[in-house]
Amino acid sequence: MTLGIPVTPADATRSAPAIKPELLRLLASLPRAKQTELLNFARFLHQQTSAMGSAVSLDQPQIELQLASAATLLGLTGVVALGGDAVADTESLYDDNDRGLH
């Protein structure tokens, strides 16, 4: 926790009663345009949480980190060839002739 502000999900769980006053204090100090932006974001988060059918658990990570050694990553070099002209490639997809990428 930094300056009493939760920085991890565990901190947020432990300091839940302190979050609302801090949030309201910060909200009051923002300009009206930023308050509106924050309100829209809060509505988005609420809608997203509702769509999931239940509240997102702060105790369980939503993403599992998969580690790989540098040697493994080096072995992937060249597996996918990137480059070329993206505009020309895209345009060729929609050309009337059969030059397009298939």
PDB file of N, CA and C in Angstrom:
ATOM      1  N   MET A   1       0.849  -1.165   0.000  1.00  0.00           N
ATOM      2  CA  MET A   1       0.000   0.000   0.000  1.00  0.00           C
ATOM      3  C   MET A   1       0.898   1.231   0.000  1.00  0.00           C
ATOM      4  N   THR A   2       0.601   2.210  -0.858  1.00  0.00           N
ATOM      5  CA  THR A   2       1.375   3.421  -0.959  1.00  0.00           C
ATOM      6  C   THR A   2       0.528   4.596  -0.509  1.00  0.00           C
ATOM      7  N   LEU A   3       0.981   5.304   0.513  1.00  0.00           N
ATOM      8  CA  LEU A   3       0.252   6.455   1.043  1.00  0.00           C
ATOM      9  C   LEU A   3      -1.191   6.118   1.386  1.00  0.00           C
ATOM     10  N   GLY A   4      -1.419   4.899   1.847  1.00  0.00           N
ATOM     11  CA  GLY A   4      -2.757   4.477   2.224  1.00  0.00           C
ATOM     12  C   GLY A   4      -3.649   4.104   1.063  1.00  0.00           C
ATOM     13  N   ILE A   5      -3.111   4.161  -0.151  1.00  0.00           N
ATOM     14  CA  ILE A   5      -3.894   3.842  -1.341  1.00  0.00           C
ATOM     15  C   ILE A   5      -3.588   2.413  -1.754  1.00  0.00           C
ATOM     16  N   PRO A   6      -4.594   1.579  -1.920  1.00  0.00           N
ATOM     17  CA  PRO A   6      -4.352   0.191  -2.312  1.00  0.00           C
ATOM     18  C   PRO A   6      -3.683   0.120  -3.677  1.00  0.00           C
ATOM     19  N   VAL A   7      -2.664  -0.721  -3.774  1.00  0.00           N
ATOM     20  CA  VAL A   7      -1.986  -0.898  -5.054  1.00  0.00           C
ATOM     21  C   VAL A   7      -2.095  -2.330  -5.565  1.00  0.00           C
ATOM     22  N   THR A   8      -2.524  -3.251  -4.710  1.00  0.00           N
ATOM     23  CA  THR A   8      -2.715  -4.637  -5.128  1.00  0.00           C
ATOM     24  C   THR A   8      -4.127  -5.054  -4.734  1.00  0.00           C
ATOM     25  N   PRO A   9      -4.654  -6.119  -5.336  1.00  0.00           N
ATOM     26  CA  PRO A   9      -5.984  -6.591  -4.941  1.00  0.00           C
ATOM     27  C   PRO A   9      -6.063  -6.921  -3.453  1.00  0.00           C
ATOM     28  N   ALA A  10      -5.004  -7.484  -2.886  1.00  0.00           N
ATOM     29  CA  ALA A  10      -5.012  -7.810  -1.456  1.00  0.00           C
ATOM     30  C   ALA A  10      -5.105  -6.543  -0.619  1.00  0.00           C
ATOM     31  N   ASP A  11      -4.372  -5.484  -1.018  1.00  0.00           N
ATOM     32  CA  ASP A  11      -4.456  -4.203  -0.313  1.00  0.00           C
ATOM     33  C   ASP A  11      -5.872  -3.649  -0.386  1.00  0.00           C
ATOM     34  N   ALA A  12      -6.496  -3.754  -1.559  1.00  0.00           N
ATOM     35  CA  ALA A  12      -7.849  -3.234  -1.733  1.00  0.00           C
ATOM     36  C   ALA A  12      -8.830  -3.954  -0.830  1.00  0.00           C
ATOM     37  N   THR A  13      -8.659  -5.255  -0.675  1.00  0.00           N
ATOM     38  CA  THR A  13      -9.549  -6.032   0.185  1.00  0.00           C
ATOM     39  C   THR A  13      -9.377  -5.630   1.641  1.00  0.00           C
ATOM     40  N   ARG A  14      -8.128  -5.466   2.059  1.00  0.00           N
ATOM     41  CA  ARG A  14      -7.867  -5.103   3.460  1.00  0.00           C
ATOM     42  C   ARG A  14      -8.331  -3.692   3.790  1.00  0.00           C
ATOM     43  N   SER A  15      -8.305  -2.792   2.816  1.00  0.00           N
ATOM     44  CA  SER A  15      -8.621  -1.396   3.101  1.00  0.00           C
ATOM     45  C   SER A  15      -9.931  -0.945   2.459  1.00  0.00           C
ATOM     46  N   ALA A  16     -10.844  -1.857   2.231  1.00  0.00           N
ATOM     47  CA  ALA A  16     -12.110  -1.537   1.564  1.00  0.00           C
ATOM     48  C   ALA A  16     -12.835  -0.344   2.182  1.00  0.00           C
ATOM     49  N   PRO A  17     -12.908  -0.220   3.514  1.00  0.00           N
ATOM     50  CA  PRO A  17     -13.612   0.938   4.083  1.00  0.00           C
ATOM     51  C   PRO A  17     -12.937   2.268   3.747  1.00  0.00           C
ATOM     52  N   ALA A  18     -11.640   2.267   3.467  1.00  0.00           N
ATOM     53  CA  ALA A  18     -10.918   3.502   3.186  1.00  0.00           C
ATOM     54  C   ALA A  18     -11.015   3.920   1.727  1.00  0.00           C
ATOM     55  N   ILE A  19     -11.454   3.047   0.864  1.00  0.00           N
ATOM     56  CA  ILE A  19     -11.473   3.347  -0.564  1.00  0.00           C
ATOM     57  C   ILE A  19     -12.504   4.420  -0.909  1.00  0.00           C
ATOM     58  N   LYS A  20     -13.710   4.299  -0.407  1.00  0.00           N
ATOM     59  CA  LYS A  20     -14.775   5.228  -0.780  1.00  0.00           C
ATOM     60  C   LYS A  20     -14.453   6.679  -0.412  1.00  0.00           C
ATOM     61  N   PRO A  21     -14.013   6.973   0.818  1.00  0.00           N
ATOM     62  CA  PRO A  21     -13.683   8.368   1.135  1.00  0.00           C
ATOM     63  C   PRO A  21     -12.543   8.912   0.263  1.00  0.00           C
ATOM     64  N   GLU A  22     -11.547   8.085  -0.001  1.00  0.00           N
ATOM     65  CA  GLU A  22     -10.425   8.521  -0.839  1.00  0.00           C
ATOM     66  C   GLU A  22     -10.905   8.772  -2.261  1.00  0.00           C
ATOM     67  N   LEU A  23     -11.751   7.904  -2.772  1.00  0.00           N
ATOM     68  CA  LEU A  23     -12.303   8.061  -4.113  1.00  0.00           C
ATOM     69  C   LEU A  23     -13.115   9.355  -4.217  1.00  0.00           C
ATOM     70  N   LEU A  24     -13.964   9.607  -3.230  1.00  0.00           N
ATOM     71  CA  LEU A  24     -14.782  10.825  -3.232  1.00  0.00           C
ATOM     72  C   LEU A  24     -13.921  12.078  -3.119  1.00  0.00           C
ATOM     73  N   ARG A  25     -12.851  12.017  -2.314  1.00  0.00           N
ATOM     74  CA  ARG A  25     -11.951  13.167  -2.156  1.00  0.00           C
ATOM     75  C   ARG A  25     -11.277  13.481  -3.491  1.00  0.00           C
ATOM     76  N   LEU A  26     -10.770  12.448  -4.146  1.00  0.00           N
ATOM     77  CA  LEU A  26     -10.104  12.656  -5.428  1.00  0.00           C
ATOM     78  C   LEU A  26     -11.089  13.129  -6.499  1.00  0.00           C
ATOM     79  N   LEU A  27     -12.287  12.573  -6.492  1.00  0.00           N
ATOM     80  CA  LEU A  27     -13.315  12.954  -7.456  1.00  0.00           C
ATOM     81  C   LEU A  27     -13.661  14.439  -7.323  1.00  0.00           C
ATOM     82  N   ALA A  28     -13.802  14.895  -6.111  1.00  0.00           N
ATOM     83  CA  ALA A  28     -14.161  16.294  -5.876  1.00  0.00           C
ATOM     84  C   ALA A  28     -13.080  17.253  -6.363  1.00  0.00           C
ATOM     85  N   SER A  29     -11.837  16.800  -6.404  1.00  0.00           N
ATOM     86  CA  SER A  29     -10.742  17.683  -6.817  1.00  0.00           C
ATOM     87  C   SER A  29     -10.545  17.720  -8.335  1.00  0.00           C
ATOM     88  N   LEU A  30     -11.251  16.867  -9.061  1.00  0.00           N
ATOM     89  CA  LEU A  30     -11.102  16.829 -10.514  1.00  0.00           C
ATOM     90  C   LEU A  30     -11.970  17.887 -11.194  1.00  0.00           C
ATOM     91  N   PRO A  31     -11.520  18.371 -12.355  1.00  0.00           N
ATOM     92  CA  PRO A  31     -12.382  19.274 -13.138  1.00  0.00           C
ATOM     93  C   PRO A  31     -13.634  18.530 -13.614  1.00  0.00           C
ATOM     94  N   ARG A  32     -14.687  19.259 -13.919  1.00  0.00           N
ATOM     95  CA  ARG A  32     -15.975  18.680 -14.307  1.00  0.00           C
ATOM     96  C   ARG A  32     -15.823  17.708 -15.488  1.00  0.00           C
ATOM     97  N   ALA A  33     -15.009  18.051 -16.479  1.00  0.00           N
ATOM     98  CA  ALA A  33     -14.836  17.177 -17.644  1.00  0.00           C
ATOM     99  C   ALA A  33     -14.235  15.834 -17.239  1.00  0.00           C
ATOM    100  N   LYS A  34     -13.287  15.858 -16.326  1.00  0.00           N
ATOM    101  CA  LYS A  34     -12.667  14.608 -15.868  1.00  0.00           C
ATOM    102  C   LYS A  34     -13.628  13.817 -14.990  1.00  0.00           C
ATOM    103  N   GLN A  35     -14.480  14.511 -14.234  1.00  0.00           N
ATOM    104  CA  GLN A  35     -15.490  13.818 -13.441  1.00  0.00           C
ATOM    105  C   GLN A  35     -16.448  13.062 -14.363  1.00  0.00           C
ATOM    106  N   THR A  36     -16.834  13.696 -15.461  1.00  0.00           N
ATOM    107  CA  THR A  36     -17.728  13.053 -16.433  1.00  0.00           C
ATOM    108  C   THR A  36     -17.042  11.846 -17.059  1.00  0.00           C
ATOM    109  N   GLU A  37     -15.765  12.000 -17.395  1.00  0.00           N
ATOM    110  CA  GLU A  37     -15.004  10.891 -17.971  1.00  0.00           C
ATOM    111  C   GLU A  37     -14.931   9.721 -16.992  1.00  0.00           C
ATOM    112  N   LEU A  38     -14.681  10.027 -15.730  1.00  0.00           N
ATOM    113  CA  LEU A  38     -14.608   8.994 -14.700  1.00  0.00           C
ATOM    114  C   LEU A  38     -15.967   8.328 -14.493  1.00  0.00           C
ATOM    115  N   LEU A  39     -17.041   9.108 -14.541  1.00  0.00           N
ATOM    116  CA  LEU A  39     -18.389   8.549 -14.412  1.00  0.00           C
ATOM    117  C   LEU A  39     -18.678   7.573 -15.548  1.00  0.00           C
ATOM    118  N   ASN A  40     -18.309   7.947 -16.763  1.00  0.00           N
ATOM    119  CA  ASN A  40     -18.511   7.047 -17.902  1.00  0.00           C
ATOM    120  C   ASN A  40     -17.710   5.764 -17.736  1.00  0.00           C
ATOM    121  N   PHE A  41     -16.486   5.879 -17.237  1.00  0.00           N
ATOM    122  CA  PHE A  41     -15.657   4.694 -17.024  1.00  0.00           C
ATOM    123  C   PHE A  41     -16.255   3.809 -15.927  1.00  0.00           C
ATOM    124  N   ALA A  42     -16.742   4.426 -14.859  1.00  0.00           N
ATOM    125  CA  ALA A  42     -17.369   3.661 -13.773  1.00  0.00           C
ATOM    126  C   ALA A  42     -18.608   2.937 -14.281  1.00  0.00           C
ATOM    127  N   ARG A  43     -19.386   3.591 -15.136  1.00  0.00           N
ATOM    128  CA  ARG A  43     -20.560   2.931 -15.729  1.00  0.00           C
ATOM    129  C   ARG A  43     -20.138   1.748 -16.580  1.00  0.00           C
ATOM    130  N   PHE A  44     -19.044   1.915 -17.346  1.00  0.00           N
ATOM    131  CA  PHE A  44     -18.520   0.820 -18.159  1.00  0.00           C
ATOM    132  C   PHE A  44     -18.110  -0.354 -17.272  1.00  0.00           C
ATOM    133  N   LEU A  45     -17.384  -0.076 -16.195  1.00  0.00           N
ATOM    134  CA  LEU A  45     -16.959  -1.145 -15.288  1.00  0.00           C
ATOM    135  C   LEU A  45     -18.161  -1.847 -14.665  1.00  0.00           C
ATOM    136  N   HIS A  46     -19.169  -1.081 -14.291  1.00  0.00           N
ATOM    137  CA  HIS A  46     -20.377  -1.663 -13.704  1.00  0.00           C
ATOM    138  C   HIS A  46     -21.074  -2.569 -14.715  1.00  0.00           C
ATOM    139  N   GLN A  47     -21.198  -2.086 -15.942  1.00  0.00           N
ATOM    140  CA  GLN A  47     -21.834  -2.875 -16.998  1.00  0.00           C
ATOM    141  C   GLN A  47     -21.034  -4.146 -17.273  1.00  0.00           C
ATOM    142  N   GLN A  48     -19.725  -4.021 -17.306  1.00  0.00           N
ATOM    143  CA  GLN A  48     -18.861  -5.174 -17.562  1.00  0.00           C
ATOM    144  C   GLN A  48     -18.996  -6.211 -16.449  1.00  0.00           C
ATOM    145  N   THR A  49     -19.021  -5.762 -15.212  1.00  0.00           N
ATOM    146  CA  THR A  49     -19.162  -6.659 -14.070  1.00  0.00           C
ATOM    147  C   THR A  49     -20.527  -7.324 -14.081  1.00  0.00           C
ATOM    148  N   SER A  50     -21.573  -6.559 -14.401  1.00  0.00           N
ATOM    149  CA  SER A  50     -22.923  -7.119 -14.457  1.00  0.00           C
ATOM    150  C   SER A  50     -23.031  -8.159 -15.559  1.00  0.00           C
ATOM    151  N   ALA A  51     -22.381  -7.904 -16.678  1.00  0.00           N
ATOM    152  CA  ALA A  51     -22.442  -8.826 -17.808  1.00  0.00           C
ATOM    153  C   ALA A  51     -21.760 -10.154 -17.486  1.00  0.00           C
ATOM    154  N   MET A  52     -20.822 -10.127 -16.576  1.00  0.00           N
ATOM    155  CA  MET A  52     -20.113 -11.349 -16.202  1.00  0.00           C
ATOM    156  C   MET A  52     -20.949 -12.220 -15.275  1.00  0.00           C
ATOM    157  N   GLY A  53     -22.022 -11.662 -14.748  1.00  0.00           N
ATOM    158  CA  GLY A  53     -22.922 -12.448 -13.920  1.00  0.00           C
ATOM    159  C   GLY A  53     -22.581 -12.432 -12.446  1.00  0.00           C
ATOM    160  N   SER A  54     -21.371 -12.019 -12.116  1.00  0.00           N
ATOM    161  CA  SER A  54     -20.995 -11.912 -10.713  1.00  0.00           C
ATOM    162  C   SER A  54     -19.842 -10.940 -10.601  1.00  0.00           C
ATOM    163  N   ALA A  55     -19.610 -10.503  -9.393  1.00  0.00           N
ATOM    164  CA  ALA A  55     -18.521  -9.566  -9.146  1.00  0.00           C
ATOM    165  C   ALA A  55     -17.183 -10.245  -9.392  1.00  0.00           C
ATOM    166  N   VAL A  56     -16.257  -9.474  -9.906  1.00  0.00           N
ATOM    167  CA  VAL A  56     -14.903  -9.988 -10.135  1.00  0.00           C
ATOM    168  C   VAL A  56     -14.220 -10.136  -8.790  1.00  0.00           C
ATOM    169  N   SER A  57     -13.641 -11.289  -8.543  1.00  0.00           N
ATOM    170  CA  SER A  57     -12.949 -11.535  -7.287  1.00  0.00           C
ATOM    171  C   SER A  57     -11.587 -10.869  -7.308  1.00  0.00           C
ATOM    172  N   LEU A  58     -11.288 -10.101  -6.267  1.00  0.00           N
ATOM    173  CA  LEU A  58      -9.990  -9.453  -6.168  1.00  0.00           C
ATOM    174  C   LEU A  58      -8.925 -10.422  -5.684  1.00  0.00           C
ATOM    175  N   ASP A  59      -9.320 -11.533  -5.114  1.00  0.00           N
ATOM    176  CA  ASP A  59      -8.362 -12.482  -4.557  1.00  0.00           C
ATOM    177  C   ASP A  59      -7.797 -13.434  -5.601  1.00  0.00           C
ATOM    178  N   GLN A  60      -8.497 -13.630  -6.698  1.00  0.00           N
ATOM    179  CA  GLN A  60      -8.061 -14.579  -7.708  1.00  0.00           C
ATOM    180  C   GLN A  60      -7.599 -13.833  -8.952  1.00  0.00           C
ATOM    181  N   PRO A  61      -6.382 -14.090  -9.401  1.00  0.00           N
ATOM    182  CA  PRO A  61      -5.919 -13.416 -10.610  1.00  0.00           C
ATOM    183  C   PRO A  61      -6.729 -13.859 -11.822  1.00  0.00           C
ATOM    184  N   GLN A  62      -6.985 -12.934 -12.719  1.00  0.00           N
ATOM    185  CA  GLN A  62      -7.751 -13.231 -13.917  1.00  0.00           C
ATOM    186  C   GLN A  62      -6.856 -13.720 -15.054  1.00  0.00           C
ATOM    187  N   ILE A  63      -5.548 -13.439 -14.928  1.00  0.00           N
ATOM    188  CA  ILE A  63      -4.591 -13.826 -15.957  1.00  0.00           C
ATOM    189  C   ILE A  63      -3.489 -14.629 -15.293  1.00  0.00           C
ATOM    190  N   GLU A  64      -3.147 -15.747 -15.889  1.00  0.00           N
ATOM    191  CA  GLU A  64      -2.062 -16.558 -15.358  1.00  0.00           C
ATOM    192  C   GLU A  64      -0.815 -16.291 -16.183  1.00  0.00           C
ATOM    193  N   LEU A  65       0.253 -15.899 -15.533  1.00  0.00           N
ATOM    194  CA  LEU A  65       1.503 -15.589 -16.194  1.00  0.00           C
ATOM    195  C   LEU A  65       2.237 -16.869 -16.551  1.00  0.00           C
ATOM    196  N   GLN A  66       2.634 -16.985 -17.796  1.00  0.00           N
ATOM    197  CA  GLN A  66       3.404 -18.138 -18.256  1.00  0.00           C
ATOM    198  C   GLN A  66       4.820 -17.655 -18.534  1.00  0.00           C
ATOM    199  N   LEU A  67       5.784 -18.178 -17.807  1.00  0.00           N
ATOM    200  CA  LEU A  67       7.173 -17.777 -17.977  1.00  0.00           C
ATOM    201  C   LEU A  67       7.844 -18.635 -19.034  1.00  0.00           C
ATOM    202  N   ALA A  68       8.813 -18.051 -19.722  1.00  0.00           N
ATOM    203  CA  ALA A  68       9.597 -18.779 -20.724  1.00  0.00           C
ATOM    204  C   ALA A  68      11.027 -18.281 -20.635  1.00  0.00           C
ATOM    205  N   SER A  69      11.955 -19.201 -20.789  1.00  0.00           N
ATOM    206  CA  SER A  69      13.366 -18.817 -20.733  1.00  0.00           C
ATOM    207  C   SER A  69      13.734 -18.045 -21.991  1.00  0.00           C
ATOM    208  N   ALA A  70      14.829 -17.307 -21.911  1.00  0.00           N
ATOM    209  CA  ALA A  70      15.302 -16.554 -23.066  1.00  0.00           C
ATOM    210  C   ALA A  70      15.629 -17.501 -24.217  1.00  0.00           C
ATOM    211  N   ALA A  71      16.170 -18.675 -23.910  1.00  0.00           N
ATOM    212  CA  ALA A  71      16.515 -19.641 -24.958  1.00  0.00           C
ATOM    213  C   ALA A  71      15.259 -20.093 -25.700  1.00  0.00           C
ATOM    214  N   THR A  72      14.178 -20.296 -24.966  1.00  0.00           N
ATOM    215  CA  THR A  72      12.916 -20.695 -25.596  1.00  0.00           C
ATOM    216  C   THR A  72      12.413 -19.595 -26.517  1.00  0.00           C
ATOM    217  N   LEU A  73      12.473 -18.359 -26.033  1.00  0.00           N
ATOM    218  CA  LEU A  73      12.001 -17.236 -26.845  1.00  0.00           C
ATOM    219  C   LEU A  73      12.889 -17.048 -28.070  1.00  0.00           C
ATOM    220  N   LEU A  74      14.191 -17.227 -27.913  1.00  0.00           N
ATOM    221  CA  LEU A  74      15.106 -17.111 -29.032  1.00  0.00           C
ATOM    222  C   LEU A  74      14.777 -18.149 -30.103  1.00  0.00           C
ATOM    223  N   GLY A  75      14.364 -19.331 -29.676  1.00  0.00           N
ATOM    224  CA  GLY A  75      13.991 -20.384 -30.612  1.00  0.00           C
ATOM    225  C   GLY A  75      12.775 -20.033 -31.452  1.00  0.00           C
ATOM    226  N   LEU A  76      11.972 -19.070 -30.991  1.00  0.00           N
ATOM    227  CA  LEU A  76      10.784 -18.661 -31.735  1.00  0.00           C
ATOM    228  C   LEU A  76      11.109 -17.641 -32.825  1.00  0.00           C
ATOM    229  N   THR A  77      12.315 -17.111 -32.795  1.00  0.00           N
ATOM    230  CA  THR A  77      12.725 -16.126 -33.791  1.00  0.00           C
ATOM    231  C   THR A  77      12.614 -16.716 -35.186  1.00  0.00           C
ATOM    232  N   GLY A  78      11.958 -16.026 -36.056  1.00  0.00           N
ATOM    233  CA  GLY A  78      11.832 -16.465 -37.438  1.00  0.00           C
ATOM    234  C   GLY A  78      10.659 -17.385 -37.704  1.00  0.00           C
ATOM    235  N   VAL A  79       9.935 -17.788 -36.660  1.00  0.00           N
ATOM    236  CA  VAL A  79       8.777 -18.664 -36.872  1.00  0.00           C
ATOM    237  C   VAL A  79       7.711 -17.923 -37.682  1.00  0.00           C
ATOM    238  N   VAL A  80       7.523 -16.657 -37.365  1.00  0.00           N
ATOM    239  CA  VAL A  80       6.562 -15.836 -38.090  1.00  0.00           C
ATOM    240  C   VAL A  80       7.340 -14.735 -38.781  1.00  0.00           C
ATOM    241  N   ALA A  81       7.212 -14.647 -40.062  1.00  0.00           N
ATOM    242  CA  ALA A  81       7.893 -13.602 -40.819  1.00  0.00           C
ATOM    243  C   ALA A  81       6.992 -12.385 -40.904  1.00  0.00           C
ATOM    244  N   LEU A  82       7.464 -11.282 -40.392  1.00  0.00           N
ATOM    245  CA  LEU A  82       6.708 -10.040 -40.440  1.00  0.00           C
ATOM    246  C   LEU A  82       7.399  -9.094 -41.404  1.00  0.00           C
ATOM    247  N   GLY A  83       6.647  -8.221 -41.974  1.00  0.00           N
ATOM    248  CA  GLY A  83       7.236  -7.244 -42.868  1.00  0.00           C
ATOM    249  C   GLY A  83       6.409  -7.129 -44.118  1.00  0.00           C
ATOM    250  N   GLY A  84       6.917  -6.359 -45.044  1.00  0.00           N
ATOM    251  CA  GLY A  84       6.189  -6.158 -46.287  1.00  0.00           C
ATOM    252  C   GLY A  84       5.394  -4.875 -46.246  1.00  0.00           C
ATOM    253  N   ASP A  85       4.491  -4.748 -47.141  1.00  0.00           N
ATOM    254  CA  ASP A  85       3.684  -3.550 -47.288  1.00  0.00           C
ATOM    255  C   ASP A  85       2.245  -3.873 -46.888  1.00  0.00           C
ATOM    256  N   ALA A  86       1.869  -3.466 -45.701  1.00  0.00           N
ATOM    257  CA  ALA A  86       0.541  -3.797 -45.175  1.00  0.00           C
ATOM    258  C   ALA A  86      -0.562  -3.190 -46.032  1.00  0.00           C
ATOM    259  N   VAL A  87      -0.348  -1.977 -46.521  1.00  0.00           N
ATOM    260  CA  VAL A  87      -1.371  -1.325 -47.343  1.00  0.00           C
ATOM    261  C   VAL A  87      -1.568  -2.104 -48.640  1.00  0.00           C
ATOM    262  N   ALA A  88      -0.462  -2.450 -49.298  1.00  0.00           N
ATOM    263  CA  ALA A  88      -0.566  -3.200 -50.556  1.00  0.00           C
ATOM    264  C   ALA A  88      -1.202  -4.567 -50.321  1.00  0.00           C
ATOM    265  N   ASP A  89      -0.809  -5.235 -49.226  1.00  0.00           N
ATOM    266  CA  ASP A  89      -1.394  -6.538 -48.920  1.00  0.00           C
ATOM    267  C   ASP A  89      -2.892  -6.424 -48.693  1.00  0.00           C
ATOM    268  N   THR A  90      -3.310  -5.414 -47.968  1.00  0.00           N
ATOM    269  CA  THR A  90      -4.732  -5.225 -47.682  1.00  0.00           C
ATOM    270  C   THR A  90      -5.499  -4.895 -48.953  1.00  0.00           C
ATOM    271  N   GLU A  91      -4.943  -4.000 -49.752  1.00  0.00           N
ATOM    272  CA  GLU A  91      -5.611  -3.643 -50.999  1.00  0.00           C
ATOM    273  C   GLU A  91      -5.736  -4.847 -51.921  1.00  0.00           C
ATOM    274  N   SER A  92      -4.728  -5.718 -51.935  1.00  0.00           N
ATOM    275  CA  SER A  92      -4.783  -6.880 -52.820  1.00  0.00           C
ATOM    276  C   SER A  92      -5.895  -7.845 -52.415  1.00  0.00           C
ATOM    277  N   LEU A  93      -6.287  -7.823 -51.149  1.00  0.00           N
ATOM    278  CA  LEU A  93      -7.392  -8.668 -50.702  1.00  0.00           C
ATOM    279  C   LEU A  93      -8.707  -8.265 -51.360  1.00  0.00           C
ATOM    280  N   TYR A  94      -8.826  -6.977 -51.679  1.00  0.00           N
ATOM    281  CA  TYR A  94     -10.084  -6.455 -52.195  1.00  0.00           C
ATOM    282  C   TYR A  94     -10.036  -6.152 -53.683  1.00  0.00           C
ATOM    283  N   ASP A  95      -8.921  -6.446 -54.329  1.00  0.00           N
ATOM    284  CA  ASP A  95      -8.830  -6.233 -55.782  1.00  0.00           C
ATOM    285  C   ASP A  95      -9.789  -7.176 -56.505  1.00  0.00           C
ATOM    286  N   ASP A  96     -10.222  -6.761 -57.688  1.00  0.00           N
ATOM    287  CA  ASP A  96     -11.119  -7.598 -58.496  1.00  0.00           C
ATOM    288  C   ASP A  96     -10.401  -8.779 -59.116  1.00  0.00           C
ATOM    289  N   ASN A  97      -9.098  -8.658 -59.309  1.00  0.00           N
ATOM    290  CA  ASN A  97      -8.381  -9.780 -59.923  1.00  0.00           C
ATOM    291  C   ASN A  97      -7.988 -10.791 -58.862  1.00  0.00           C
ATOM    292  N   ASP A  98      -7.380 -11.854 -59.277  1.00  0.00           N
ATOM    293  CA  ASP A  98      -7.033 -12.942 -58.357  1.00  0.00           C
ATOM    294  C   ASP A  98      -5.634 -12.811 -57.767  1.00  0.00           C
ATOM    295  N   ARG A  99      -5.099 -11.599 -57.730  1.00  0.00           N
ATOM    296  CA  ARG A  99      -3.769 -11.411 -57.145  1.00  0.00           C
ATOM    297  C   ARG A  99      -3.827 -11.422 -55.608  1.00  0.00           C
ATOM    298  N   GLY A 100      -4.993 -11.363 -55.051  1.00  0.00           N
ATOM    299  CA  GLY A 100      -5.147 -11.227 -53.600  1.00  0.00           C
ATOM    300  C   GLY A 100      -4.548 -12.366 -52.823  1.00  0.00           C
ATOM    301  N   LEU A 101      -4.263 -12.077 -51.560  1.00  0.00           N
ATOM    302  CA  LEU A 101      -3.746 -13.102 -50.656  1.00  0.00           C
ATOM    303  C   LEU A 101      -4.889 -14.014 -50.249  1.00  0.00           C
ATOM    304  N   HIS A 102      -4.700 -15.280 -50.311  1.00  0.00           N
ATOM    305  CA  HIS A 102      -5.784 -16.211 -49.964  1.00  0.00           C
ATOM    306  C   HIS A 102      -5.299 -17.196 -48.935  1.00  0.00           C
TER     307      HIS A 102
END
